[in-house]
PDB file of N, CA and C in Angstrom:
ATOM      1  N   MET A   1    -114.966  78.388-127.219  1.00  0.00           N
ATOM      2  CA  MET A   1    -115.190  77.823-128.533  1.00  0.00           C
ATOM      3  C   MET A   1    -115.020  78.883-129.624  1.00  0.00           C
ATOM      4  N   LYS A   2    -115.604  80.059-129.350  1.00  0.00           N
ATOM      5  CA  LYS A   2    -115.487  81.136-130.324  1.00  0.00           C
ATOM      6  C   LYS A   2    -114.023  81.579-130.467  1.00  0.00           C
ATOM      7  N   ARG A   3    -113.308  81.560-129.358  1.00  0.00           N
ATOM      8  CA  ARG A   3    -111.891  81.928-129.409  1.00  0.00           C
ATOM      9  C   ARG A   3    -111.107  80.953-130.276  1.00  0.00           C
ATOM     10  N   ASN A   4    -111.391  79.675-130.106  1.00  0.00           N
ATOM     11  CA  ASN A   4    -110.688  78.673-130.902  1.00  0.00           C
ATOM     12  C   ASN A   4    -110.964  78.842-132.387  1.00  0.00           C
ATOM     13  N   ILE A   5    -112.196  79.092-132.749  1.00  0.00           N
ATOM     14  CA  ILE A   5    -112.551  79.291-134.159  1.00  0.00           C
ATOM     15  C   ILE A   5    -111.865  80.544-134.691  1.00  0.00           C
ATOM     16  N   LEU A   6    -111.891  81.604-133.901  1.00  0.00           N
ATOM     17  CA  LEU A   6    -111.232  82.840-134.306  1.00  0.00           C
ATOM     18  C   LEU A   6    -109.723  82.631-134.453  1.00  0.00           C
ATOM     19  N   LEU A   7    -109.135  81.917-133.513  1.00  0.00           N
ATOM     20  CA  LEU A   7    -107.701  81.636-133.568  1.00  0.00           C
ATOM     21  C   LEU A   7    -107.346  80.800-134.798  1.00  0.00           C
ATOM     22  N   ILE A   8    -108.122  79.784-135.082  1.00  0.00           N
ATOM     23  CA  ILE A   8    -107.880  78.937-136.256  1.00  0.00           C
ATOM     24  C   ILE A   8    -108.039  79.744-137.537  1.00  0.00           C
ATOM     25  N   THR A   9    -109.042  80.604-137.581  1.00  0.00           N
ATOM     26  CA  THR A   9    -109.249  81.449-138.762  1.00  0.00           C
ATOM     27  C   THR A   9    -108.065  82.380-138.975  1.00  0.00           C
ATOM     28  N   MET A  10    -107.559  82.967-137.902  1.00  0.00           N
ATOM     29  CA  MET A  10    -106.417  83.872-138.023  1.00  0.00           C
ATOM     30  C   MET A  10    -105.167  83.120-138.470  1.00  0.00           C
ATOM     31  N   ILE A  11    -104.960  81.927-137.959  1.00  0.00           N
ATOM     32  CA  ILE A  11    -103.800  81.125-138.363  1.00  0.00           C
ATOM     33  C   ILE A  11    -103.904  80.747-139.834  1.00  0.00           C
ATOM     34  N   LEU A  12    -105.073  80.339-140.275  1.00  0.00           N
ATOM     35  CA  LEU A  12    -105.256  79.997-141.690  1.00  0.00           C
ATOM     36  C   LEU A  12    -105.053  81.206-142.588  1.00  0.00           C
ATOM     37  N   ALA A  13    -105.522  82.372-142.146  1.00  0.00           N
ATOM     38  CA  ALA A  13    -105.330  83.592-142.931  1.00  0.00           C
ATOM     39  C   ALA A  13    -103.846  83.929-143.034  1.00  0.00           C
ATOM     40  N   PHE A  14    -103.121  83.767-141.957  1.00  0.00           N
ATOM     41  CA  PHE A  14    -101.684  84.036-141.965  1.00  0.00           C
ATOM     42  C   PHE A  14    -100.946  83.068-142.885  1.00  0.00           C
ATOM     43  N   ILE A  15    -101.283  81.795-142.809  1.00  0.00           N
ATOM     44  CA  ILE A  15    -100.632  80.788-143.641  1.00  0.00           C
ATOM     45  C   ILE A  15    -100.935  81.018-145.115  1.00  0.00           C
ATOM     46  N   SER A  16    -102.179  81.339-145.431  1.00  0.00           N
ATOM     47  CA  SER A  16    -102.528  81.563-146.839  1.00  0.00           C
ATOM     48  C   SER A  16    -101.842  82.808-147.383  1.00  0.00           C
ATOM     49  N   SER A  17    -101.686  83.837-146.546  1.00  0.00           N
ATOM     50  CA  SER A  17    -100.984  85.034-147.020  1.00  0.00           C
ATOM     51  C   SER A  17     -99.508  84.754-147.236  1.00  0.00           C
ATOM     52  N   SER A  18     -98.916  83.872-146.430  1.00  0.00           N
ATOM     53  CA  SER A  18     -97.507  83.546-146.626  1.00  0.00           C
ATOM     54  C   SER A  18     -97.311  82.735-147.901  1.00  0.00           C
ATOM     55  N   PHE A  19     -98.268  81.874-148.247  1.00  0.00           N
ATOM     56  CA  PHE A  19     -98.173  81.135-149.501  1.00  0.00           C
ATOM     57  C   PHE A  19     -98.314  82.067-150.693  1.00  0.00           C
ATOM     58  N   SER A  20     -99.193  83.042-150.611  1.00  0.00           N
ATOM     59  CA  SER A  20     -99.340  83.988-151.715  1.00  0.00           C
ATOM     60  C   SER A  20     -98.091  84.846-151.847  1.00  0.00           C
ATOM     61  N   GLN A  21     -97.393  85.081-150.762  1.00  0.00           N
ATOM     62  CA  GLN A  21     -96.145  85.840-150.795  1.00  0.00           C
ATOM     63  C   GLN A  21     -95.108  85.131-151.652  1.00  0.00           C
ATOM     64  N   THR A  22     -94.982  83.822-151.520  1.00  0.00           N
ATOM     65  CA  THR A  22     -93.997  83.109-152.315  1.00  0.00           C
ATOM     66  C   THR A  22     -94.374  83.133-153.788  1.00  0.00           C
ATOM     67  N   SER A  23     -95.651  83.064-154.094  1.00  0.00           N
ATOM     68  CA  SER A  23     -96.035  83.102-155.504  1.00  0.00           C
ATOM     69  C   SER A  23     -95.760  84.479-156.094  1.00  0.00           C
ATOM     70  N   ILE A  24     -95.908  85.531-155.297  1.00  0.00           N
ATOM     71  CA  ILE A  24     -95.575  86.877-155.764  1.00  0.00           C
ATOM     72  C   ILE A  24     -94.080  86.959-156.029  1.00  0.00           C
ATOM     73  N   THR A  25     -93.287  86.419-155.136  1.00  0.00           N
ATOM     74  CA  THR A  25     -91.841  86.417-155.316  1.00  0.00           C
ATOM     75  C   THR A  25     -91.449  85.644-156.566  1.00  0.00           C
ATOM     76  N   GLU A  26     -92.058  84.493-156.765  1.00  0.00           N
ATOM     77  CA  GLU A  26     -91.762  83.702-157.960  1.00  0.00           C
ATOM     78  C   GLU A  26     -92.154  84.449-159.219  1.00  0.00           C
ATOM     79  N   ARG A  27     -93.282  85.142-159.179  1.00  0.00           N
ATOM     80  CA  ARG A  27     -93.732  85.899-160.346  1.00  0.00           C
ATOM     81  C   ARG A  27     -92.755  87.028-160.661  1.00  0.00           C
ATOM     82  N   VAL A  28     -92.279  87.713-159.632  1.00  0.00           N
ATOM     83  CA  VAL A  28     -91.301  88.793-159.842  1.00  0.00           C
ATOM     84  C   VAL A  28     -90.005  88.224-160.412  1.00  0.00           C
ATOM     85  N   PHE A  29     -89.551  87.097-159.851  1.00  0.00           N
ATOM     86  CA  PHE A  29     -88.349  86.450-160.374  1.00  0.00           C
ATOM     87  C   PHE A  29     -88.551  86.034-161.831  1.00  0.00           C
ATOM     88  N   GLN A  30     -89.716  85.491-162.142  1.00  0.00           N
ATOM     89  CA  GLN A  30     -90.014  85.049-163.512  1.00  0.00           C
ATOM     90  C   GLN A  30     -89.938  86.220-164.490  1.00  0.00           C
ATOM     91  N   GLU A  31     -90.552  87.346-164.134  1.00  0.00           N
ATOM     92  CA  GLU A  31     -90.516  88.531-165.003  1.00  0.00           C
ATOM     93  C   GLU A  31     -89.089  89.049-165.157  1.00  0.00           C
ATOM     94  N   SER A  32     -88.350  89.058-164.074  1.00  0.00           N
ATOM     95  CA  SER A  32     -86.964  89.524-164.114  1.00  0.00           C
ATOM     96  C   SER A  32     -86.117  88.652-165.033  1.00  0.00           C
ATOM     97  N   VAL A  33     -86.286  87.347-164.908  1.00  0.00           N
ATOM     98  CA  VAL A  33     -85.522  86.406-165.737  1.00  0.00           C
ATOM     99  C   VAL A  33     -85.899  86.561-167.207  1.00  0.00           C
ATOM    100  N   GLU A  34     -87.187  86.693-167.487  1.00  0.00           N
ATOM    101  CA  GLU A  34     -87.614  86.849-168.880  1.00  0.00           C
ATOM    102  C   GLU A  34     -87.032  88.100-169.492  1.00  0.00           C
ATOM    103  N   ASN A  35     -87.059  89.214-168.757  1.00  0.00           N
ATOM    104  CA  ASN A  35     -86.481  90.457-169.275  1.00  0.00           C
ATOM    105  C   ASN A  35     -84.978  90.325-169.499  1.00  0.00           C
ATOM    106  N   LYS A  36     -84.302  89.720-168.544  1.00  0.00           N
ATOM    107  CA  LYS A  36     -82.846  89.564-168.647  1.00  0.00           C
ATOM    108  C   LYS A  36     -82.468  88.700-169.843  1.00  0.00           C
ATOM    109  N   VAL A  37     -83.148  87.570-170.011  1.00  0.00           N
ATOM    110  CA  VAL A  37     -82.791  86.646-171.091  1.00  0.00           C
ATOM    111  C   VAL A  37     -83.151  87.238-172.445  1.00  0.00           C
ATOM    112  N   GLU A  38     -84.277  87.941-172.549  1.00  0.00           N
ATOM    113  CA  GLU A  38     -84.627  88.591-173.815  1.00  0.00           C
ATOM    114  C   GLU A  38     -83.583  89.627-174.201  1.00  0.00           C
ATOM    115  N   LYS A  39     -83.128  90.401-173.218  1.00  0.00           N
ATOM    116  CA  LYS A  39     -82.098  91.408-173.474  1.00  0.00           C
ATOM    117  C   LYS A  39     -80.792  90.737-173.919  1.00  0.00           C
ATOM    118  N   MET A  40     -80.410  89.673-173.218  1.00  0.00           N
ATOM    119  CA  MET A  40     -79.188  88.941-173.581  1.00  0.00           C
ATOM    120  C   MET A  40     -79.327  88.310-174.965  1.00  0.00           C
ATOM    121  N   GLN A  41     -80.510  87.804-175.270  1.00  0.00           N
ATOM    122  CA  GLN A  41     -80.725  87.176-176.574  1.00  0.00           C
ATOM    123  C   GLN A  41     -80.568  88.198-177.690  1.00  0.00           C
ATOM    124  N   GLN A  42     -81.054  89.410-177.480  1.00  0.00           N
ATOM    125  CA  GLN A  42     -80.900  90.460-178.486  1.00  0.00           C
ATOM    126  C   GLN A  42     -79.435  90.853-178.647  1.00  0.00           C
ATOM    127  N   LEU A  43     -78.715  90.940-177.535  1.00  0.00           N
ATOM    128  CA  LEU A  43     -77.314  91.366-177.599  1.00  0.00           C
ATOM    129  C   LEU A  43     -76.390  90.279-178.137  1.00  0.00           C
ATOM    130  N   ILE A  44     -76.604  89.039-177.685  1.00  0.00           N
ATOM    131  CA  ILE A  44     -75.680  87.959-178.024  1.00  0.00           C
ATOM    132  C   ILE A  44     -76.141  87.175-179.246  1.00  0.00           C
ATOM    133  N   GLY A  45     -77.445  86.928-179.343  1.00  0.00           N
ATOM    134  CA  GLY A  45     -77.978  86.275-180.529  1.00  0.00           C
ATOM    135  C   GLY A  45     -78.108  84.774-180.435  1.00  0.00           C
ATOM    136  N   PHE A  46     -78.445  84.216-179.285  1.00  0.00           N
ATOM    137  CA  PHE A  46     -78.694  82.772-179.214  1.00  0.00           C
ATOM    138  C   PHE A  46     -80.153  82.487-179.569  1.00  0.00           C
ATOM    139  N   ASP A  47     -80.440  81.231-179.900  1.00  0.00           N
ATOM    140  CA  ASP A  47     -81.773  80.868-180.393  1.00  0.00           C
ATOM    141  C   ASP A  47     -82.791  80.734-179.262  1.00  0.00           C
ATOM    142  N   ASN A  48     -84.070  80.531-179.649  1.00  0.00           N
ATOM    143  CA  ASN A  48     -85.160  80.475-178.673  1.00  0.00           C
ATOM    144  C   ASN A  48     -85.071  79.264-177.749  1.00  0.00           C
ATOM    145  N   GLN A  49     -84.616  78.145-178.267  1.00  0.00           N
ATOM    146  CA  GLN A  49     -84.493  76.945-177.440  1.00  0.00           C
ATOM    147  C   GLN A  49     -83.448  77.163-176.343  1.00  0.00           C
ATOM    148  N   THR A  50     -82.343  77.762-176.709  1.00  0.00           N
ATOM    149  CA  THR A  50     -81.298  78.080-175.736  1.00  0.00           C
ATOM    150  C   THR A  50     -81.814  79.105-174.722  1.00  0.00           C
ATOM    151  N   ALA A  51     -82.581  80.078-175.206  1.00  0.00           N
ATOM    152  CA  ALA A  51     -83.150  81.086-174.312  1.00  0.00           C
ATOM    153  C   ALA A  51     -84.063  80.438-173.277  1.00  0.00           C
ATOM    154  N   GLN A  52     -84.851  79.467-173.686  1.00  0.00           N
ATOM    155  CA  GLN A  52     -85.742  78.786-172.756  1.00  0.00           C
ATOM    156  C   GLN A  52     -84.956  78.024-171.688  1.00  0.00           C
ATOM    157  N   LEU A  53     -83.892  77.363-172.098  1.00  0.00           N
ATOM    158  CA  LEU A  53     -83.042  76.653-171.138  1.00  0.00           C
ATOM    159  C   LEU A  53     -82.378  77.615-170.156  1.00  0.00           C
ATOM    160  N   ILE A  54     -81.934  78.752-170.660  1.00  0.00           N
ATOM    161  CA  ILE A  54     -81.294  79.743-169.801  1.00  0.00           C
ATOM    162  C   ILE A  54     -82.311  80.316-168.814  1.00  0.00           C
ATOM    163  N   LYS A  55     -83.539  80.536-169.268  1.00  0.00           N
ATOM    164  CA  LYS A  55     -84.578  81.023-168.352  1.00  0.00           C
ATOM    165  C   LYS A  55     -84.796  80.050-167.201  1.00  0.00           C
ATOM    166  N   GLU A  56     -84.821  78.764-167.513  1.00  0.00           N
ATOM    167  CA  GLU A  56     -85.007  77.761-166.459  1.00  0.00           C
ATOM    168  C   GLU A  56     -83.837  77.774-165.477  1.00  0.00           C
ATOM    169  N   ILE A  57     -82.625  77.870-166.000  1.00  0.00           N
ATOM    170  CA  ILE A  57     -81.439  77.895-165.140  1.00  0.00           C
ATOM    171  C   ILE A  57     -81.452  79.127-164.245  1.00  0.00           C
ATOM    172  N   GLU A  58     -81.717  80.282-164.832  1.00  0.00           N
ATOM    173  CA  GLU A  58     -81.693  81.537-164.065  1.00  0.00           C
ATOM    174  C   GLU A  58     -82.802  81.573-163.018  1.00  0.00           C
ATOM    175  N   LEU A  59     -84.009  81.110-163.371  1.00  0.00           N
ATOM    176  CA  LEU A  59     -85.108  81.109-162.414  1.00  0.00           C
ATOM    177  C   LEU A  59     -84.812  80.163-161.260  1.00  0.00           C
ATOM    178  N   ASN A  60     -84.306  78.982-161.577  1.00  0.00           N
ATOM    179  CA  ASN A  60     -83.937  78.030-160.529  1.00  0.00           C
ATOM    180  C   ASN A  60     -82.856  78.624-159.625  1.00  0.00           C
ATOM    181  N   PHE A  61     -81.895  79.302-160.221  1.00  0.00           N
ATOM    182  CA  PHE A  61     -80.826  79.941-159.449  1.00  0.00           C
ATOM    183  C   PHE A  61     -81.397  80.989-158.492  1.00  0.00           C
ATOM    184  N   LEU A  62     -82.284  81.852-158.979  1.00  0.00           N
ATOM    185  CA  LEU A  62     -82.848  82.889-158.122  1.00  0.00           C
ATOM    186  C   LEU A  62     -83.674  82.303-156.982  1.00  0.00           C
ATOM    187  N   LEU A  63     -84.442  81.269-157.278  1.00  0.00           N
ATOM    188  CA  LEU A  63     -85.252  80.641-156.232  1.00  0.00           C
ATOM    189  C   LEU A  63     -84.376  79.982-155.172  1.00  0.00           C
ATOM    190  N   GLU A  64     -83.298  79.325-155.608  1.00  0.00           N
ATOM    191  CA  GLU A  64     -82.389  78.689-154.651  1.00  0.00           C
ATOM    192  C   GLU A  64     -81.627  79.722-153.821  1.00  0.00           C
ATOM    193  N   VAL A  65     -81.236  80.833-154.435  1.00  0.00           N
ATOM    194  CA  VAL A  65     -80.564  81.901-153.691  1.00  0.00           C
ATOM    195  C   VAL A  65     -81.527  82.491-152.665  1.00  0.00           C
ATOM    196  N   ASN A  66     -82.777  82.653-153.055  1.00  0.00           N
ATOM    197  CA  ASN A  66     -83.782  83.162-152.126  1.00  0.00           C
ATOM    198  C   ASN A  66     -83.936  82.226-150.930  1.00  0.00           C
ATOM    199  N   LYS A  67     -83.960  80.913-151.199  1.00  0.00           N
ATOM    200  CA  LYS A  67     -84.042  79.944-150.102  1.00  0.00           C
ATOM    201  C   LYS A  67     -82.810  80.035-149.201  1.00  0.00           C
ATOM    202  N   ALA A  68     -81.648  80.184-149.807  1.00  0.00           N
ATOM    203  CA  ALA A  68     -80.402  80.254-149.035  1.00  0.00           C
ATOM    204  C   ALA A  68     -80.374  81.506-148.158  1.00  0.00           C
ATOM    205  N   GLU A  69     -80.886  82.612-148.681  1.00  0.00           N
ATOM    206  CA  GLU A  69     -80.883  83.849-147.908  1.00  0.00           C
ATOM    207  C   GLU A  69     -81.835  83.783-146.720  1.00  0.00           C
ATOM    208  N   HIS A  70     -82.876  82.988-146.818  1.00  0.00           N
ATOM    209  CA  HIS A  70     -83.843  82.875-145.728  1.00  0.00           C
ATOM    210  C   HIS A  70     -83.553  81.696-144.795  1.00  0.00           C
ATOM    211  N   CYS A  71     -82.508  80.969-145.062  1.00  0.00           N
ATOM    212  CA  CYS A  71     -82.139  79.829-144.221  1.00  0.00           C
ATOM    213  C   CYS A  71     -81.420  80.343-142.970  1.00  0.00           C
ATOM    214  N   LEU A  72     -81.916  79.944-141.824  1.00  0.00           N
ATOM    215  CA  LEU A  72     -81.327  80.440-140.571  1.00  0.00           C
ATOM    216  C   LEU A  72     -80.043  79.719-140.194  1.00  0.00           C
ATOM    217  N   TRP A  73     -79.940  78.443-140.532  1.00  0.00           N
ATOM    218  CA  TRP A  73     -78.823  77.634-140.070  1.00  0.00           C
ATOM    219  C   TRP A  73     -77.764  77.391-141.144  1.00  0.00           C
ATOM    220  N   CYS A  74     -77.899  78.040-142.268  1.00  0.00           N
ATOM    221  CA  CYS A  74     -76.971  77.803-143.378  1.00  0.00           C
ATOM    222  C   CYS A  74     -75.863  78.852-143.400  1.00  0.00           C
ATOM    223  N   ARG A  75     -74.760  78.478-144.036  1.00  0.00           N
ATOM    224  CA  ARG A  75     -73.717  79.449-144.353  1.00  0.00           C
ATOM    225  C   ARG A  75     -74.098  80.056-145.693  1.00  0.00           C
ATOM    226  N   LYS A  76     -74.693  81.239-145.626  1.00  0.00           N
ATOM    227  CA  LYS A  76     -75.314  81.845-146.806  1.00  0.00           C
ATOM    228  C   LYS A  76     -74.316  82.108-147.926  1.00  0.00           C
ATOM    229  N   GLN A  77     -73.205  82.743-147.599  1.00  0.00           N
ATOM    230  CA  GLN A  77     -72.239  83.108-148.637  1.00  0.00           C
ATOM    231  C   GLN A  77     -71.651  81.877-149.318  1.00  0.00           C
ATOM    232  N   LYS A  78     -71.364  80.863-148.538  1.00  0.00           N
ATOM    233  CA  LYS A  78     -70.792  79.640-149.102  1.00  0.00           C
ATOM    234  C   LYS A  78     -71.805  78.945-150.012  1.00  0.00           C
ATOM    235  N   ARG A  79     -73.043  78.876-149.566  1.00  0.00           N
ATOM    236  CA  ARG A  79     -74.082  78.227-150.368  1.00  0.00           C
ATOM    237  C   ARG A  79     -74.363  79.005-151.652  1.00  0.00           C
ATOM    238  N   ILE A  80     -74.429  80.326-151.557  1.00  0.00           N
ATOM    239  CA  ILE A  80     -74.660  81.141-152.754  1.00  0.00           C
ATOM    240  C   ILE A  80     -73.488  81.010-153.710  1.00  0.00           C
ATOM    241  N   GLY A  81     -72.275  80.927-153.185  1.00  0.00           N
ATOM    242  CA  GLY A  81     -71.103  80.713-154.038  1.00  0.00           C
ATOM    243  C   GLY A  81     -71.191  79.405-154.798  1.00  0.00           C
ATOM    244  N   LYS A  82     -71.625  78.348-154.113  1.00  0.00           N
ATOM    245  CA  LYS A  82     -71.789  77.055-154.774  1.00  0.00           C
ATOM    246  C   LYS A  82     -72.886  77.112-155.835  1.00  0.00           C
ATOM    247  N   LEU A  83     -73.957  77.851-155.547  1.00  0.00           N
ATOM    248  CA  LEU A  83     -75.038  78.000-156.530  1.00  0.00           C
ATOM    249  C   LEU A  83     -74.553  78.747-157.772  1.00  0.00           C
ATOM    250  N   LYS A  84     -73.715  79.772-157.575  1.00  0.00           N
ATOM    251  CA  LYS A  84     -73.161  80.515-158.712  1.00  0.00           C
ATOM    252  C   LYS A  84     -72.286  79.613-159.579  1.00  0.00           C
ATOM    253  N   ILE A  85     -71.470  78.805-158.928  1.00  0.00           N
ATOM    254  CA  ILE A  85     -70.598  77.888-159.675  1.00  0.00           C
ATOM    255  C   ILE A  85     -71.426  76.886-160.466  1.00  0.00           C
ATOM    256  N   ALA A  86     -72.463  76.340-159.842  1.00  0.00           N
ATOM    257  CA  ALA A  86     -73.321  75.370-160.530  1.00  0.00           C
ATOM    258  C   ALA A  86     -74.041  76.014-161.715  1.00  0.00           C
ATOM    259  N   ARG A  87     -74.519  77.268-161.535  1.00  0.00           N
ATOM    260  CA  ARG A  87     -75.189  77.963-162.628  1.00  0.00           C
ATOM    261  C   ARG A  87     -74.215  78.219-163.776  1.00  0.00           C
ATOM    262  N   ASP A  88     -72.999  78.652-163.456  1.00  0.00           N
ATOM    263  CA  ASP A  88     -72.004  78.901-164.496  1.00  0.00           C
ATOM    264  C   ASP A  88     -71.668  77.629-165.274  1.00  0.00           C
ATOM    265  N   GLU A  89     -71.564  76.503-164.564  1.00  0.00           N
ATOM    266  CA  GLU A  89     -71.294  75.234-165.241  1.00  0.00           C
ATOM    267  C   GLU A  89     -72.432  74.849-166.179  1.00  0.00           C
ATOM    268  N   GLN A  90     -73.671  75.067-165.756  1.00  0.00           N
ATOM    269  CA  GLN A  90     -74.810  74.757-166.613  1.00  0.00           C
ATOM    270  C   GLN A  90     -74.845  75.667-167.832  1.00  0.00           C
ATOM    271  N   LEU A  91     -74.541  76.948-167.626  1.00  0.00           N
ATOM    272  CA  LEU A  91     -74.516  77.883-168.761  1.00  0.00           C
ATOM    273  C   LEU A  91     -73.408  77.523-169.750  1.00  0.00           C
ATOM    274  N   GLN A  92     -72.262  77.075-169.247  1.00  0.00           N
ATOM    275  CA  GLN A  92     -71.165  76.686-170.128  1.00  0.00           C
ATOM    276  C   GLN A  92     -71.528  75.463-170.966  1.00  0.00           C
ATOM    277  N   LYS A  93     -72.355  74.581-170.424  1.00  0.00           N
ATOM    278  CA  LYS A  93     -72.793  73.408-171.184  1.00  0.00           C
ATOM    279  C   LYS A  93     -73.758  73.797-172.301  1.00  0.00           C
ATOM    280  N   ILE A  94     -74.560  74.829-172.070  1.00  0.00           N
ATOM    281  CA  ILE A  94     -75.590  75.218-173.034  1.00  0.00           C
ATOM    282  C   ILE A  94     -75.045  76.146-174.112  1.00  0.00           C
ATOM    283  N   LEU A  95     -74.274  77.145-173.703  1.00  0.00           N
ATOM    284  CA  LEU A  95     -73.808  78.170-174.641  1.00  0.00           C
ATOM    285  C   LEU A  95     -72.442  77.816-175.226  1.00  0.00           C
ATOM    286  N   PRO A  96     -72.231  78.156-176.500  1.00  0.00           N
ATOM    287  CA  PRO A  96     -70.877  78.056-177.053  1.00  0.00           C
ATOM    288  C   PRO A  96     -69.946  79.009-176.290  1.00  0.00           C
ATOM    289  N   ARG A  97     -68.668  78.747-176.369  1.00  0.00           N
ATOM    290  CA  ARG A  97     -67.697  79.490-175.567  1.00  0.00           C
ATOM    291  C   ARG A  97     -67.771  81.000-175.775  1.00  0.00           C
ATOM    292  N   ASP A  98     -67.834  81.455-177.020  1.00  0.00           N
ATOM    293  CA  ASP A  98     -67.857  82.896-177.265  1.00  0.00           C
ATOM    294  C   ASP A  98     -69.131  83.535-176.706  1.00  0.00           C
ATOM    295  N   GLN A  99     -70.273  82.840-176.841  1.00  0.00           N
ATOM    296  CA  GLN A  99     -71.518  83.385-176.296  1.00  0.00           C
ATOM    297  C   GLN A  99     -71.500  83.388-174.768  1.00  0.00           C
ATOM    298  N   TYR A 100     -70.908  82.357-174.176  1.00  0.00           N
ATOM    299  CA  TYR A 100     -70.822  82.322-172.718  1.00  0.00           C
ATOM    300  C   TYR A 100     -69.939  83.463-172.200  1.00  0.00           C
ATOM    301  N   ILE A 101     -68.832  83.725-172.881  1.00  0.00           N
ATOM    302  CA  ILE A 101     -67.945  84.809-172.465  1.00  0.00           C
ATOM    303  C   ILE A 101     -68.673  86.148-172.528  1.00  0.00           C
ATOM    304  N   LYS A 102     -69.429  86.368-173.599  1.00  0.00           N
ATOM    305  CA  LYS A 102     -70.201  87.607-173.720  1.00  0.00           C
ATOM    306  C   LYS A 102     -71.274  87.687-172.640  1.00  0.00           C
ATOM    307  N   TYR A 103     -71.978  86.580-172.408  1.00  0.00           N
ATOM    308  CA  TYR A 103     -73.032  86.525-171.394  1.00  0.00           C
ATOM    309  C   TYR A 103     -72.465  86.848-170.016  1.00  0.00           C
ATOM    310  N   ASN A 104     -71.355  86.220-169.692  1.00  0.00           N
ATOM    311  CA  ASN A 104     -70.709  86.430-168.401  1.00  0.00           C
ATOM    312  C   ASN A 104     -70.199  87.866-168.271  1.00  0.00           C
ATOM    313  N   ALA A 105     -69.652  88.404-169.332  1.00  0.00           N
ATOM    314  CA  ALA A 105     -69.113  89.766-169.296  1.00  0.00           C
ATOM    315  C   ALA A 105     -70.228  90.788-169.094  1.00  0.00           C
ATOM    316  N   ILE A 106     -71.347  90.601-169.760  1.00  0.00           N
ATOM    317  CA  ILE A 106     -72.466  91.528-169.595  1.00  0.00           C
ATOM    318  C   ILE A 106     -73.051  91.413-168.189  1.00  0.00           C
ATOM    319  N   GLU A 107     -73.216  90.195-167.725  1.00  0.00           N
ATOM    320  CA  GLU A 107     -73.806  89.982-166.408  1.00  0.00           C
ATOM    321  C   GLU A 107     -72.950  90.560-165.292  1.00  0.00           C
ATOM    322  N   ASN A 108     -71.654  90.482-165.419  1.00  0.00           N
ATOM    323  CA  ASN A 108     -70.750  90.977-164.380  1.00  0.00           C
ATOM    324  C   ASN A 108     -70.311  92.418-164.628  1.00  0.00           C
ATOM    325  N   ASP A 109     -71.000  93.111-165.528  1.00  0.00           N
ATOM    326  CA  ASP A 109     -70.731  94.516-165.854  1.00  0.00           C
ATOM    327  C   ASP A 109     -69.301  94.752-166.316  1.00  0.00           C
ATOM    328  N   LEU A 110     -68.725  93.765-166.996  1.00  0.00           N
ATOM    329  CA  LEU A 110     -67.400  93.946-167.570  1.00  0.00           C
ATOM    330  C   LEU A 110     -67.479  94.655-168.908  1.00  0.00           C
ATOM    331  N   LEU A 111     -68.626  94.510-169.574  1.00  0.00           N
ATOM    332  CA  LEU A 111     -68.868  95.190-170.840  1.00  0.00           C
ATOM    333  C   LEU A 111     -70.163  95.978-170.735  1.00  0.00           C
ATOM    334  N   ASN A 112     -70.158  97.124-171.341  1.00  0.00           N
ATOM    335  CA  ASN A 112     -71.346  97.959-171.373  1.00  0.00           C
ATOM    336  C   ASN A 112     -72.168  97.573-172.591  1.00  0.00           C
ATOM    337  N   GLU A 113     -73.472  97.481-172.443  1.00  0.00           N
ATOM    338  CA  GLU A 113     -74.326  97.078-173.570  1.00  0.00           C
ATOM    339  C   GLU A 113     -74.327  98.110-174.691  1.00  0.00           C
ATOM    340  N   HIS A 114     -73.941  99.353-174.398  1.00  0.00           N
ATOM    341  CA  HIS A 114     -73.915 100.393-175.417  1.00  0.00           C
ATOM    342  C   HIS A 114     -72.620 100.355-176.229  1.00  0.00           C
ATOM    343  N   ASN A 115     -71.631  99.589-175.770  1.00  0.00           N
ATOM    344  CA  ASN A 115     -70.388  99.427-176.495  1.00  0.00           C
ATOM    345  C   ASN A 115     -70.559  98.249-177.458  1.00  0.00           C
ATOM    346  N   ARG A 116     -70.829  98.538-178.727  1.00  0.00           N
ATOM    347  CA  ARG A 116     -71.157  97.498-179.698  1.00  0.00           C
ATOM    348  C   ARG A 116     -69.919  96.934-180.402  1.00  0.00           C
ATOM    349  N   LEU A 117     -68.735  97.394-180.095  1.00  0.00           N
ATOM    350  CA  LEU A 117     -67.541  96.933-180.780  1.00  0.00           C
ATOM    351  C   LEU A 117     -67.324  95.433-180.602  1.00  0.00           C
ATOM    352  N   TRP A 118     -67.603  94.905-179.441  1.00  0.00           N
ATOM    353  CA  TRP A 118     -67.349  93.495-179.154  1.00  0.00           C
ATOM    354  C   TRP A 118     -68.319  92.580-179.864  1.00  0.00           C
ATOM    355  N   LEU A 119     -69.441  93.125-180.356  1.00  0.00           N
ATOM    356  CA  LEU A 119     -70.413  92.304-181.070  1.00  0.00           C
ATOM    357  C   LEU A 119     -70.025  92.074-182.527  1.00  0.00           C
ATOM    358  N   GLU A 120     -69.140  92.888-183.053  1.00  0.00           N
ATOM    359  CA  GLU A 120     -68.785  92.796-184.475  1.00  0.00           C
ATOM    360  C   GLU A 120     -67.731  91.753-184.724  1.00  0.00           C
TER     361      GLU A 120
END
């Protein structure tokens, strides 16, 4: 009887720690997305409403990529590629063309943030 109680307690402790792990991951992703979007907003100059939409898109993208990377039976690269395409399509719907081009260029390291010529 004592073994069963001890075993159940250990299983519950393990499960609760795994749930807290996902919340830590989500919190890290949330902070990362907020920093990224604030930096992009300063460089590109989109409004707060657009920034909020972009934060939602980026956070959803990171969470889905995380799920894809931990999926045992999935084709990870193919799924992540589809997620990238879907994110790009959503960003193109939200941002005007010139802002999307700048956003994409900064994200893919095509432009350096210290090179201010393209902003003028």
